[in-house]
Amino acid sequence: MLGTRVRGTVNGGSGVGGGIEAWTGIGPVGFLDTMVITVWEPPHRCVVRHTGRLVRGGGAFEVAEASGGSVVTWSEDLDLPGGWIGRLGWWVIRPGIRYGVARSLAGLARSVSQS
């Protein structure tokens, strides 16, 4: 993800119970997203539970075989903080988030196709 640095914590960020931290921001301005791996089925599936103060809920990466390659599905089911104000804020920042995710995934696709 653009502007995000990820590192493994517990168990180096692998296996059920493994921990992951993702810092999204620029310099000191941003937020920390902590996660615990709840399902670990390499190389096809990883499910996490977001445990941070700002980001909570579930997420998953799944890889499926497809003709000529693979399809990666990234899904998130997040609980937005701040009640109705948080939901309203989401509609404001959503276009920027979509843009960043699309750019990040396009970069991942380019990187993988060059391997």
C-alpha atoms as a PDB file:
ATOM      1  CA  MET A   1       0.000   0.000   0.000  1.00  0.00           C
ATOM      2  CA  LEU A   2       1.317   3.460  -0.848  1.00  0.00           C
ATOM      3  CA  GLY A   3       2.857   5.170   2.141  1.00  0.00           C
ATOM      4  CA  THR A   4       2.807   1.979   4.239  1.00  0.00           C
ATOM      5  CA  ARG A   5       5.711   0.158   5.858  1.00  0.00           C
ATOM      6  CA  VAL A   6       4.972  -3.354   7.112  1.00  0.00           C
ATOM      7  CA  ARG A   7       6.953  -5.529   9.486  1.00  0.00           C
ATOM      8  CA  GLY A   8       6.411  -8.845  11.169  1.00  0.00           C
ATOM      9  CA  THR A   9       6.281  -8.830  14.957  1.00  0.00           C
ATOM     10  CA  VAL A  10       5.197 -12.036  16.730  1.00  0.00           C
ATOM     11  CA  ASN A  11       6.619 -15.119  14.927  1.00  0.00           C
ATOM     12  CA  GLY A  12       8.089 -12.809  12.282  1.00  0.00           C
ATOM     13  CA  GLY A  13       4.588 -12.158  10.935  1.00  0.00           C
ATOM     14  CA  SER A  14       3.880 -15.719   9.839  1.00  0.00           C
ATOM     15  CA  GLY A  15       1.677 -18.569  10.995  1.00  0.00           C
ATOM     16  CA  VAL A  16      -1.492 -18.515  13.067  1.00  0.00           C
ATOM     17  CA  GLY A  17      -0.923 -16.134  15.960  1.00  0.00           C
ATOM     18  CA  GLY A  18       1.781 -14.238  14.078  1.00  0.00           C
ATOM     19  CA  GLY A  19       1.764 -10.472  14.394  1.00  0.00           C
ATOM     20  CA  ILE A  20       2.054  -7.721  11.797  1.00  0.00           C
ATOM     21  CA  GLU A  21       2.410  -3.948  12.146  1.00  0.00           C
ATOM     22  CA  ALA A  22       1.711  -1.564   9.285  1.00  0.00           C
ATOM     23  CA  TRP A  23       2.576   2.129   9.608  1.00  0.00           C
ATOM     24  CA  THR A  24       0.707   4.253   7.060  1.00  0.00           C
ATOM     25  CA  GLY A  25       1.662   7.879   6.762  1.00  0.00           C
ATOM     26  CA  ILE A  26       4.385  10.319   5.894  1.00  0.00           C
ATOM     27  CA  GLY A  27       7.118  10.659   8.471  1.00  0.00           C
ATOM     28  CA  PRO A  28       5.618  10.974  11.953  1.00  0.00           C
ATOM     29  CA  VAL A  29       2.090  11.758  10.668  1.00  0.00           C
ATOM     30  CA  GLY A  30       0.025   8.615  10.221  1.00  0.00           C
ATOM     31  CA  PHE A  31      -1.331   5.635  12.095  1.00  0.00           C
ATOM     32  CA  LEU A  32      -0.266   2.170  13.195  1.00  0.00           C
ATOM     33  CA  ASP A  33      -2.383  -0.803  12.087  1.00  0.00           C
ATOM     34  CA  THR A  34      -1.663  -3.895  14.193  1.00  0.00           C
ATOM     35  CA  MET A  35      -2.862  -7.326  13.095  1.00  0.00           C
ATOM     36  CA  VAL A  36      -2.892 -10.937  14.263  1.00  0.00           C
ATOM     37  CA  ILE A  37      -2.948 -13.777  11.728  1.00  0.00           C
ATOM     38  CA  THR A  38      -5.972 -16.019  12.318  1.00  0.00           C
ATOM     39  CA  VAL A  39      -5.757 -18.297   9.247  1.00  0.00           C
ATOM     40  CA  TRP A  40      -2.484 -19.267   7.558  1.00  0.00           C
ATOM     41  CA  GLU A  41      -2.657 -21.438   4.437  1.00  0.00           C
ATOM     42  CA  PRO A  42       0.409 -20.566   2.337  1.00  0.00           C
ATOM     43  CA  PRO A  43       0.627 -19.878  -0.511  1.00  0.00           C
ATOM     44  CA  HIS A  44      -3.116 -19.441  -1.014  1.00  0.00           C
ATOM     45  CA  ARG A  45      -4.668 -17.686   1.973  1.00  0.00           C
ATOM     46  CA  CYS A  46      -3.892 -15.415   4.922  1.00  0.00           C
ATOM     47  CA  VAL A  47      -6.622 -13.976   7.165  1.00  0.00           C
ATOM     48  CA  VAL A  48      -5.934 -11.314   9.791  1.00  0.00           C
ATOM     49  CA  ARG A  49      -7.760  -9.579  12.612  1.00  0.00           C
ATOM     50  CA  HIS A  50      -6.958  -5.851  12.859  1.00  0.00           C
ATOM     51  CA  THR A  51      -6.381  -5.040  16.527  1.00  0.00           C
ATOM     52  CA  GLY A  52      -5.327  -1.392  16.512  1.00  0.00           C
ATOM     53  CA  ARG A  53      -6.986   1.614  18.085  1.00  0.00           C
ATOM     54  CA  LEU A  54      -8.028   3.066  14.733  1.00  0.00           C
ATOM     55  CA  VAL A  55      -8.347   0.039  12.440  1.00  0.00           C
ATOM     56  CA  ARG A  56     -10.407  -2.916  13.696  1.00  0.00           C
ATOM     57  CA  GLY A  57     -12.064  -5.816  11.907  1.00  0.00           C
ATOM     58  CA  GLY A  58     -10.943  -8.542   9.542  1.00  0.00           C
ATOM     59  CA  GLY A  59      -8.964  -8.793   6.340  1.00  0.00           C
ATOM     60  CA  ALA A  60      -7.774 -11.481   3.949  1.00  0.00           C
ATOM     61  CA  PHE A  61      -5.429 -12.107   1.028  1.00  0.00           C
ATOM     62  CA  GLU A  62      -6.322 -15.025  -1.191  1.00  0.00           C
ATOM     63  CA  VAL A  63      -4.518 -16.303  -4.287  1.00  0.00           C
ATOM     64  CA  ALA A  64      -6.273 -18.519  -6.831  1.00  0.00           C
ATOM     65  CA  GLU A  65      -4.952 -20.098  -9.992  1.00  0.00           C
ATOM     66  CA  ALA A  66      -6.302 -18.658 -13.227  1.00  0.00           C
ATOM     67  CA  SER A  67      -5.581 -19.229 -16.894  1.00  0.00           C
ATOM     68  CA  GLY A  68      -2.206 -17.679 -17.572  1.00  0.00           C
ATOM     69  CA  GLY A  69      -1.405 -16.849 -13.955  1.00  0.00           C
ATOM     70  CA  SER A  70      -3.051 -16.089 -10.648  1.00  0.00           C
ATOM     71  CA  VAL A  71      -5.789 -13.892  -9.234  1.00  0.00           C
ATOM     72  CA  VAL A  72      -5.185 -12.096  -5.941  1.00  0.00           C
ATOM     73  CA  THR A  73      -8.199 -11.049  -3.862  1.00  0.00           C
ATOM     74  CA  TRP A  74      -7.705  -8.606  -1.013  1.00  0.00           C
ATOM     75  CA  SER A  75     -10.743  -8.042   1.190  1.00  0.00           C
ATOM     76  CA  GLU A  76     -11.334  -6.006   4.326  1.00  0.00           C
ATOM     77  CA  ASP A  77     -14.331  -5.843   6.683  1.00  0.00           C
ATOM     78  CA  LEU A  78     -13.452  -2.955   8.974  1.00  0.00           C
ATOM     79  CA  ASP A  79     -15.282  -1.333  11.862  1.00  0.00           C
ATOM     80  CA  LEU A  80     -14.990   2.410  11.337  1.00  0.00           C
ATOM     81  CA  PRO A  81     -14.289   4.454  14.467  1.00  0.00           C
ATOM     82  CA  GLY A  82     -16.338   7.496  15.432  1.00  0.00           C
ATOM     83  CA  GLY A  83     -19.877   6.314  14.700  1.00  0.00           C
ATOM     84  CA  TRP A  84     -21.733   8.363  12.072  1.00  0.00           C
ATOM     85  CA  ILE A  85     -18.923  10.924  11.932  1.00  0.00           C
ATOM     86  CA  GLY A  86     -16.472   8.137  11.037  1.00  0.00           C
ATOM     87  CA  ARG A  87     -18.832   6.834   8.339  1.00  0.00           C
ATOM     88  CA  LEU A  88     -19.177  10.356   6.916  1.00  0.00           C
ATOM     89  CA  GLY A  89     -15.402  10.788   7.017  1.00  0.00           C
ATOM     90  CA  TRP A  90     -15.001   7.526   5.106  1.00  0.00           C
ATOM     91  CA  TRP A  91     -17.023   8.949   2.190  1.00  0.00           C
ATOM     92  CA  VAL A  92     -14.693  11.952   2.142  1.00  0.00           C
ATOM     93  CA  ILE A  93     -11.434   9.961   2.088  1.00  0.00           C
ATOM     94  CA  ARG A  94     -12.711   6.944   0.112  1.00  0.00           C
ATOM     95  CA  PRO A  95     -11.647   8.237  -3.361  1.00  0.00           C
ATOM     96  CA  GLY A  96      -8.088   8.746  -2.142  1.00  0.00           C
ATOM     97  CA  ILE A  97      -7.999   5.316  -0.514  1.00  0.00           C
ATOM     98  CA  ARG A  98      -9.310   3.668  -3.705  1.00  0.00           C
ATOM     99  CA  TYR A  99      -6.690   5.490  -5.764  1.00  0.00           C
ATOM    100  CA  GLY A 100      -3.876   4.425  -3.415  1.00  0.00           C
ATOM    101  CA  VAL A 101      -5.032   0.801  -3.335  1.00  0.00           C
ATOM    102  CA  ALA A 102      -5.383   0.675  -7.141  1.00  0.00           C
ATOM    103  CA  ARG A 103      -1.865   2.121  -7.608  1.00  0.00           C
ATOM    104  CA  SER A 104      -0.416  -0.245  -5.025  1.00  0.00           C
ATOM    105  CA  LEU A 105      -2.029  -3.316  -6.591  1.00  0.00           C
ATOM    106  CA  ALA A 106      -0.933  -2.249 -10.093  1.00  0.00           C
ATOM    107  CA  GLY A 107       2.623  -1.953  -8.789  1.00  0.00           C
ATOM    108  CA  LEU A 108       2.381  -5.395  -7.197  1.00  0.00           C
ATOM    109  CA  ALA A 109       1.087  -6.841 -10.489  1.00  0.00           C
ATOM    110  CA  ARG A 110       3.998  -5.287 -12.415  1.00  0.00           C
ATOM    111  CA  SER A 111       6.488  -6.584  -9.874  1.00  0.00           C
ATOM    112  CA  VAL A 112       5.101 -10.113  -9.927  1.00  0.00           C
ATOM    113  CA  SER A 113       4.818 -10.279 -13.720  1.00  0.00           C
ATOM    114  CA  GLN A 114       8.505  -9.344 -14.047  1.00  0.00           C
ATOM    115  CA  SER A 115       9.578 -12.208 -11.775  1.00  0.00           C
END
